[in-house]
Amino acid sequence: MIRLHHCPQTRSMRTLWLLHELDVPFEVVVHPFDKSLRQPEYLALNPAGRVPALEIDERRLFETGAITEYLCECFPEAGLGRMPGAEERADWLVWVHFAETVSQHSAALTQQHVMLYEDAMRSPIVTKLEAARLGKCYAALEARLSGRDYLLDGGFSAADISVGQAIYMARHFAPLEPFPALLAWYERITARAGFQASLPKPGEALLYARPFYPPIAPPA
């Protein structure tokens, strides 16, 4: 039995996409993005009170990087991982975990634009700096993807899923258009059925009410 605890448009979407690509039976429990994640019942699954949490074969896992590695090792026949000893193993690990480098900046911007409800609480400096840091992440990916269809020469993998979902969130704060190789890659991987199946369903509450949030202008 595999059960994913998920909030739409959050990091748990990374695990949801991976499960669809693995093509294994699983169920999804959708949670609201609110204080209910701090309840004792949920903290027993993820002590940080965040998503994802994954229940699999009597185990409880949290942290998307760890979940990605574990699932790819459980289902190696899908070819989405690079097992220990494989030539691309080191590169695969680097890019799977680079997703969190991207996501930390998106998380800071999500807090500024979405979680802080009053304009006076938001920082023009933070939003400008974090958007610029996303641009540096984009530049690193642009260099990697120039001349490649996927992050690894061996083809599509969970590294593309991890980074692709991070970019899905980051696009709300920094545009991809100045980075043509990155944009082409993103369009390529998000056309996949697994990504489309991981998008929010009609009626589900969205984390992002707008498609794009520009940096906050300083007070006049």
C-alpha atoms as a PDB file:
ATOM      1  CA  MET A   1       0.000   0.000   0.000  1.00  0.00           C
ATOM      2  CA  ILE A   2       1.249   3.460  -0.935  1.00  0.00           C
ATOM      3  CA  ARG A   3      -0.549   6.527   0.417  1.00  0.00           C
ATOM      4  CA  LEU A   4       0.596  10.091  -0.324  1.00  0.00           C
ATOM      5  CA  HIS A   5      -0.432  13.029   1.844  1.00  0.00           C
ATOM      6  CA  HIS A   6      -0.582  16.005  -0.487  1.00  0.00           C
ATOM      7  CA  CYS A   7      -1.441  19.693  -0.806  1.00  0.00           C
ATOM      8  CA  PRO A   8      -1.931  20.975  -4.372  1.00  0.00           C
ATOM      9  CA  GLN A   9       0.868  23.132  -5.834  1.00  0.00           C
ATOM     10  CA  THR A  10       3.307  22.322  -3.025  1.00  0.00           C
ATOM     11  CA  ARG A  11       6.425  20.152  -2.907  1.00  0.00           C
ATOM     12  CA  SER A  12       4.232  17.055  -2.489  1.00  0.00           C
ATOM     13  CA  MET A  13       3.305  17.519  -6.150  1.00  0.00           C
ATOM     14  CA  ARG A  14       6.862  16.303  -6.821  1.00  0.00           C
ATOM     15  CA  THR A  15       6.080  12.937  -5.250  1.00  0.00           C
ATOM     16  CA  LEU A  16       2.653  12.771  -6.898  1.00  0.00           C
ATOM     17  CA  TRP A  17       4.214  13.264 -10.330  1.00  0.00           C
ATOM     18  CA  LEU A  18       6.825  10.599  -9.601  1.00  0.00           C
ATOM     19  CA  LEU A  19       4.174   8.099  -8.519  1.00  0.00           C
ATOM     20  CA  HIS A  20       2.254   8.658 -11.740  1.00  0.00           C
ATOM     21  CA  GLU A  21       5.439   8.121 -13.768  1.00  0.00           C
ATOM     22  CA  LEU A  22       6.251   4.947 -11.824  1.00  0.00           C
ATOM     23  CA  ASP A  23       2.783   3.665 -12.783  1.00  0.00           C
ATOM     24  CA  VAL A  24       2.216   1.906  -9.461  1.00  0.00           C
ATOM     25  CA  PRO A  25      -1.021   1.699  -7.428  1.00  0.00           C
ATOM     26  CA  PHE A  26      -1.316   4.444  -4.822  1.00  0.00           C
ATOM     27  CA  GLU A  27      -3.876   6.614  -3.106  1.00  0.00           C
ATOM     28  CA  VAL A  28      -3.798  10.311  -2.326  1.00  0.00           C
ATOM     29  CA  VAL A  29      -5.054  12.110   0.770  1.00  0.00           C
ATOM     30  CA  VAL A  30      -5.488  15.801  -0.043  1.00  0.00           C
ATOM     31  CA  HIS A  31      -5.015  18.182   2.879  1.00  0.00           C
ATOM     32  CA  PRO A  32      -5.772  21.894   3.063  1.00  0.00           C
ATOM     33  CA  PHE A  33      -2.704  24.098   3.316  1.00  0.00           C
ATOM     34  CA  ASP A  34      -3.502  25.241   6.845  1.00  0.00           C
ATOM     35  CA  LYS A  35      -2.982  24.533  10.549  1.00  0.00           C
ATOM     36  CA  SER A  36      -4.547  21.080  10.260  1.00  0.00           C
ATOM     37  CA  LEU A  37      -1.063  19.899   9.260  1.00  0.00           C
ATOM     38  CA  ARG A  38      -0.004  20.697  12.838  1.00  0.00           C
ATOM     39  CA  GLN A  39      -2.482  18.276  14.384  1.00  0.00           C
ATOM     40  CA  PRO A  40      -0.950  15.338  16.315  1.00  0.00           C
ATOM     41  CA  GLU A  41      -2.382  12.790  13.869  1.00  0.00           C
ATOM     42  CA  TYR A  42      -0.550  14.380  10.973  1.00  0.00           C
ATOM     43  CA  LEU A  43       2.616  15.149  12.951  1.00  0.00           C
ATOM     44  CA  ALA A  44       2.939  11.403  13.475  1.00  0.00           C
ATOM     45  CA  LEU A  45       3.445  11.189   9.699  1.00  0.00           C
ATOM     46  CA  ASN A  46       5.614  14.270   9.220  1.00  0.00           C
ATOM     47  CA  PRO A  47       6.925  15.858  12.433  1.00  0.00           C
ATOM     48  CA  ALA A  48       7.580  19.155  10.642  1.00  0.00           C
ATOM     49  CA  GLY A  49       3.868  19.544   9.865  1.00  0.00           C
ATOM     50  CA  ARG A  50       4.498  19.795   6.133  1.00  0.00           C
ATOM     51  CA  VAL A  51       3.746  17.815   3.002  1.00  0.00           C
ATOM     52  CA  PRO A  52       4.551  15.389   1.639  1.00  0.00           C
ATOM     53  CA  ALA A  53       4.234  12.417   3.917  1.00  0.00           C
ATOM     54  CA  LEU A  54       4.337   8.997   2.326  1.00  0.00           C
ATOM     55  CA  GLU A  55       3.084   5.763   3.840  1.00  0.00           C
ATOM     56  CA  ILE A  56       4.543   2.699   2.139  1.00  0.00           C
ATOM     57  CA  ASP A  57       4.731  -0.895   3.394  1.00  0.00           C
ATOM     58  CA  GLU A  58       4.406   0.046   7.085  1.00  0.00           C
ATOM     59  CA  ARG A  59       6.970   2.845   6.688  1.00  0.00           C
ATOM     60  CA  ARG A  60       6.402   6.576   6.965  1.00  0.00           C
ATOM     61  CA  LEU A  61       8.651   8.842   4.917  1.00  0.00           C
ATOM     62  CA  PHE A  62       8.954  12.601   4.589  1.00  0.00           C
ATOM     63  CA  GLU A  63      11.314  14.961   2.697  1.00  0.00           C
ATOM     64  CA  THR A  64      10.911  14.824  -1.071  1.00  0.00           C
ATOM     65  CA  GLY A  65      14.548  14.005  -1.840  1.00  0.00           C
ATOM     66  CA  ALA A  66      14.502  10.985   0.452  1.00  0.00           C
ATOM     67  CA  ILE A  67      11.126   9.876  -0.905  1.00  0.00           C
ATOM     68  CA  THR A  68      12.391  10.170  -4.487  1.00  0.00           C
ATOM     69  CA  GLU A  69      15.472   8.072  -3.774  1.00  0.00           C
ATOM     70  CA  TYR A  70      13.463   5.447  -1.881  1.00  0.00           C
ATOM     71  CA  LEU A  71      10.744   5.081  -4.517  1.00  0.00           C
ATOM     72  CA  CYS A  72      13.253   4.828  -7.352  1.00  0.00           C
ATOM     73  CA  GLU A  73      15.081   2.084  -5.447  1.00  0.00           C
ATOM     74  CA  CYS A  74      11.799   0.261  -4.751  1.00  0.00           C
ATOM     75  CA  PHE A  75      10.824   0.350  -8.434  1.00  0.00           C
ATOM     76  CA  PRO A  76      14.104   0.267 -10.402  1.00  0.00           C
ATOM     77  CA  GLU A  77      12.389  -1.276 -13.428  1.00  0.00           C
ATOM     78  CA  ALA A  78      10.807   2.116 -14.205  1.00  0.00           C
ATOM     79  CA  GLY A  79      14.262   3.502 -15.037  1.00  0.00           C
ATOM     80  CA  LEU A  80      13.674   6.805 -13.271  1.00  0.00           C
ATOM     81  CA  GLY A  81      16.545   6.394 -10.817  1.00  0.00           C
ATOM     82  CA  ARG A  82      20.237   5.764 -11.217  1.00  0.00           C
ATOM     83  CA  MET A  83      21.220   2.993  -8.850  1.00  0.00           C
ATOM     84  CA  PRO A  84      24.462   2.918  -6.788  1.00  0.00           C
ATOM     85  CA  GLY A  85      27.324   2.076  -9.088  1.00  0.00           C
ATOM     86  CA  ALA A  86      25.631   3.492 -12.194  1.00  0.00           C
ATOM     87  CA  GLU A  87      27.731   5.915 -14.236  1.00  0.00           C
ATOM     88  CA  GLU A  88      25.146   8.698 -13.888  1.00  0.00           C
ATOM     89  CA  ARG A  89      24.463   8.121 -10.182  1.00  0.00           C
ATOM     90  CA  ALA A  90      26.370  11.177  -8.931  1.00  0.00           C
ATOM     91  CA  ASP A  91      24.808  13.526 -11.480  1.00  0.00           C
ATOM     92  CA  TRP A  92      21.366  12.106 -10.732  1.00  0.00           C
ATOM     93  CA  LEU A  93      21.787  12.794  -7.009  1.00  0.00           C
ATOM     94  CA  VAL A  94      23.035  16.317  -7.633  1.00  0.00           C
ATOM     95  CA  TRP A  95      20.042  17.290  -9.750  1.00  0.00           C
ATOM     96  CA  VAL A  96      17.451  15.484  -7.612  1.00  0.00           C
ATOM     97  CA  HIS A  97      18.626  17.548  -4.652  1.00  0.00           C
ATOM     98  CA  PHE A  98      19.151  20.756  -6.652  1.00  0.00           C
ATOM     99  CA  ALA A  99      15.358  20.915  -6.656  1.00  0.00           C
ATOM    100  CA  GLU A 100      15.538  22.062  -3.030  1.00  0.00           C
ATOM    101  CA  THR A 101      17.965  24.847  -3.919  1.00  0.00           C
ATOM    102  CA  VAL A 102      15.316  26.172  -6.279  1.00  0.00           C
ATOM    103  CA  SER A 103      12.470  25.494  -3.863  1.00  0.00           C
ATOM    104  CA  GLN A 104      13.972  27.370  -0.930  1.00  0.00           C
ATOM    105  CA  HIS A 105      13.819  30.603  -2.929  1.00  0.00           C
ATOM    106  CA  SER A 106      10.275  29.872  -4.102  1.00  0.00           C
ATOM    107  CA  ALA A 107       9.288  29.176  -0.500  1.00  0.00           C
ATOM    108  CA  ALA A 108      10.613  32.556   0.621  1.00  0.00           C
ATOM    109  CA  LEU A 109       8.692  34.250  -2.177  1.00  0.00           C
ATOM    110  CA  THR A 110       5.541  32.263  -1.428  1.00  0.00           C
ATOM    111  CA  GLN A 111       5.702  33.496   2.144  1.00  0.00           C
ATOM    112  CA  GLN A 112       6.115  37.093   1.004  1.00  0.00           C
ATOM    113  CA  HIS A 113       3.446  37.106  -1.691  1.00  0.00           C
ATOM    114  CA  VAL A 114       0.915  34.561  -0.444  1.00  0.00           C
ATOM    115  CA  MET A 115       1.223  33.901   3.281  1.00  0.00           C
ATOM    116  CA  LEU A 116       1.708  37.499   4.447  1.00  0.00           C
ATOM    117  CA  TYR A 117      -1.663  39.149   4.023  1.00  0.00           C
ATOM    118  CA  GLU A 118      -0.778  42.784   4.689  1.00  0.00           C
ATOM    119  CA  ASP A 119       1.333  44.867   2.327  1.00  0.00           C
ATOM    120  CA  ALA A 120       3.200  46.415   5.263  1.00  0.00           C
ATOM    121  CA  MET A 121       4.487  42.959   6.240  1.00  0.00           C
ATOM    122  CA  ARG A 122       6.038  42.299   2.823  1.00  0.00           C
ATOM    123  CA  SER A 123       9.599  43.250   1.911  1.00  0.00           C
ATOM    124  CA  PRO A 124      10.485  44.722  -1.499  1.00  0.00           C
ATOM    125  CA  ILE A 125      14.133  43.856  -0.809  1.00  0.00           C
ATOM    126  CA  VAL A 126      13.424  40.191  -0.040  1.00  0.00           C
ATOM    127  CA  THR A 127      11.192  39.708  -3.081  1.00  0.00           C
ATOM    128  CA  LYS A 128      13.754  41.322  -5.381  1.00  0.00           C
ATOM    129  CA  LEU A 129      16.695  39.339  -3.963  1.00  0.00           C
ATOM    130  CA  GLU A 130      14.903  35.984  -3.968  1.00  0.00           C
ATOM    131  CA  ALA A 131      13.646  36.462  -7.531  1.00  0.00           C
ATOM    132  CA  ALA A 132      17.236  37.260  -8.573  1.00  0.00           C
ATOM    133  CA  ARG A 133      18.438  34.092  -6.826  1.00  0.00           C
ATOM    134  CA  LEU A 134      15.907  32.100  -8.825  1.00  0.00           C
ATOM    135  CA  GLY A 135      17.433  33.678 -11.916  1.00  0.00           C
ATOM    136  CA  LYS A 136      20.831  32.294 -10.893  1.00  0.00           C
ATOM    137  CA  CYS A 137      19.297  28.838 -10.510  1.00  0.00           C
ATOM    138  CA  TYR A 138      17.774  29.209 -13.957  1.00  0.00           C
ATOM    139  CA  ALA A 139      21.177  30.139 -15.364  1.00  0.00           C
ATOM    140  CA  ALA A 140      22.723  26.985 -13.878  1.00  0.00           C
ATOM    141  CA  LEU A 141      19.984  24.881 -15.441  1.00  0.00           C
ATOM    142  CA  GLU A 142      20.318  26.688 -18.763  1.00  0.00           C
ATOM    143  CA  ALA A 143      24.004  25.770 -18.873  1.00  0.00           C
ATOM    144  CA  ARG A 144      23.237  22.149 -18.013  1.00  0.00           C
ATOM    145  CA  LEU A 145      20.404  21.797 -20.533  1.00  0.00           C
ATOM    146  CA  SER A 146      22.082  23.481 -23.498  1.00  0.00           C
ATOM    147  CA  GLY A 147      22.475  20.674 -26.045  1.00  0.00           C
ATOM    148  CA  ARG A 148      20.506  18.206 -23.894  1.00  0.00           C
ATOM    149  CA  ASP A 149      16.875  17.092 -23.894  1.00  0.00           C
ATOM    150  CA  TYR A 150      16.994  16.115 -20.216  1.00  0.00           C
ATOM    151  CA  LEU A 151      19.214  16.737 -17.199  1.00  0.00           C
ATOM    152  CA  LEU A 152      20.986  13.393 -17.741  1.00  0.00           C
ATOM    153  CA  ASP A 153      22.346  12.111 -21.026  1.00  0.00           C
ATOM    154  CA  GLY A 154      20.712   8.767 -20.286  1.00  0.00           C
ATOM    155  CA  GLY A 155      17.240  10.266 -20.667  1.00  0.00           C
ATOM    156  CA  PHE A 156      14.262  11.361 -18.611  1.00  0.00           C
ATOM    157  CA  SER A 157      14.574  10.538 -14.907  1.00  0.00           C
ATOM    158  CA  ALA A 158      13.347  11.496 -11.463  1.00  0.00           C
ATOM    159  CA  ALA A 159      15.889  14.326 -11.568  1.00  0.00           C
ATOM    160  CA  ASP A 160      13.776  15.985 -14.262  1.00  0.00           C
ATOM    161  CA  ILE A 161      10.657  15.420 -12.146  1.00  0.00           C
ATOM    162  CA  SER A 162      12.230  16.920  -9.016  1.00  0.00           C
ATOM    163  CA  VAL A 163      13.650  19.992 -10.709  1.00  0.00           C
ATOM    164  CA  GLY A 164      10.665  20.320 -13.027  1.00  0.00           C
ATOM    165  CA  GLN A 165       8.242  20.562 -10.130  1.00  0.00           C
ATOM    166  CA  ALA A 166      10.502  23.112  -8.437  1.00  0.00           C
ATOM    167  CA  ILE A 167      10.411  25.175 -11.618  1.00  0.00           C
ATOM    168  CA  TYR A 168       6.622  24.835 -11.738  1.00  0.00           C
ATOM    169  CA  MET A 169       6.534  26.732  -8.444  1.00  0.00           C
ATOM    170  CA  ALA A 170       9.353  29.124  -9.309  1.00  0.00           C
ATOM    171  CA  ARG A 171       7.624  30.267 -12.516  1.00  0.00           C
ATOM    172  CA  HIS A 172       5.165  32.146 -10.329  1.00  0.00           C
ATOM    173  CA  PHE A 173       7.976  34.526  -9.380  1.00  0.00           C
ATOM    174  CA  ALA A 174      10.637  34.526 -12.133  1.00  0.00           C
ATOM    175  CA  PRO A 175       9.910  34.085 -15.871  1.00  0.00           C
ATOM    176  CA  LEU A 176      11.598  31.349 -17.914  1.00  0.00           C
ATOM    177  CA  GLU A 177      11.571  33.166 -21.248  1.00  0.00           C
ATOM    178  CA  PRO A 178      15.141  34.564 -20.984  1.00  0.00           C
ATOM    179  CA  PHE A 179      16.414  30.971 -20.757  1.00  0.00           C
ATOM    180  CA  PRO A 180      15.509  29.168 -24.013  1.00  0.00           C
ATOM    181  CA  ALA A 181      17.023  25.758 -23.229  1.00  0.00           C
ATOM    182  CA  LEU A 182      15.379  25.718 -19.807  1.00  0.00           C
ATOM    183  CA  LEU A 183      12.043  26.790 -21.277  1.00  0.00           C
ATOM    184  CA  ALA A 184      12.154  24.127 -23.999  1.00  0.00           C
ATOM    185  CA  TRP A 185      12.992  21.452 -21.425  1.00  0.00           C
ATOM    186  CA  TYR A 186      10.201  22.597 -19.124  1.00  0.00           C
ATOM    187  CA  GLU A 187       7.664  22.509 -21.939  1.00  0.00           C
ATOM    188  CA  ARG A 188       8.916  19.055 -22.938  1.00  0.00           C
ATOM    189  CA  ILE A 189       8.614  17.452 -19.504  1.00  0.00           C
ATOM    190  CA  THR A 190       5.349  19.126 -18.514  1.00  0.00           C
ATOM    191  CA  ALA A 191       3.683  17.749 -21.634  1.00  0.00           C
ATOM    192  CA  ARG A 192       4.030  14.291 -20.088  1.00  0.00           C
ATOM    193  CA  ALA A 193       0.909  12.558 -18.819  1.00  0.00           C
ATOM    194  CA  GLY A 194       2.472  12.128 -15.371  1.00  0.00           C
ATOM    195  CA  PHE A 195       2.855  15.874 -14.910  1.00  0.00           C
ATOM    196  CA  GLN A 196      -0.611  16.619 -16.206  1.00  0.00           C
ATOM    197  CA  ALA A 197      -2.074  14.092 -13.757  1.00  0.00           C
ATOM    198  CA  SER A 198      -0.298  15.803 -10.851  1.00  0.00           C
ATOM    199  CA  LEU A 199      -1.859  19.218 -11.491  1.00  0.00           C
ATOM    200  CA  PRO A 200      -4.620  20.465  -9.167  1.00  0.00           C
ATOM    201  CA  LYS A 201      -8.016  18.955  -9.826  1.00  0.00           C
ATOM    202  CA  PRO A 202     -11.093  21.132 -10.429  1.00  0.00           C
ATOM    203  CA  GLY A 203     -12.373  22.399  -7.122  1.00  0.00           C
ATOM    204  CA  GLU A 204      -9.132  21.872  -5.197  1.00  0.00           C
ATOM    205  CA  ALA A 205      -7.875  24.891  -3.288  1.00  0.00           C
ATOM    206  CA  LEU A 206      -4.897  26.529  -4.965  1.00  0.00           C
ATOM    207  CA  LEU A 207      -1.817  27.834  -3.213  1.00  0.00           C
ATOM    208  CA  TYR A 208      -1.214  30.391  -5.980  1.00  0.00           C
ATOM    209  CA  ALA A 209      -4.205  32.525  -6.918  1.00  0.00           C
ATOM    210  CA  ARG A 210      -2.268  34.263  -9.693  1.00  0.00           C
ATOM    211  CA  PRO A 211      -0.040  32.918 -12.463  1.00  0.00           C
ATOM    212  CA  PHE A 212       2.729  35.436 -11.691  1.00  0.00           C
ATOM    213  CA  TYR A 213       3.792  37.600  -8.740  1.00  0.00           C
ATOM    214  CA  PRO A 214       6.276  40.368  -9.659  1.00  0.00           C
ATOM    215  CA  PRO A 215       8.676  41.752  -7.029  1.00  0.00           C
ATOM    216  CA  ILE A 216       6.998  44.162  -4.656  1.00  0.00           C
ATOM    217  CA  ALA A 217       7.638  47.809  -5.421  1.00  0.00           C
ATOM    218  CA  PRO A 218       9.157  49.884  -2.608  1.00  0.00           C
ATOM    219  CA  PRO A 219       6.919  52.507  -0.994  1.00  0.00           C
ATOM    220  CA  ALA A 220       6.690  55.765  -2.892  1.00  0.00           C
END
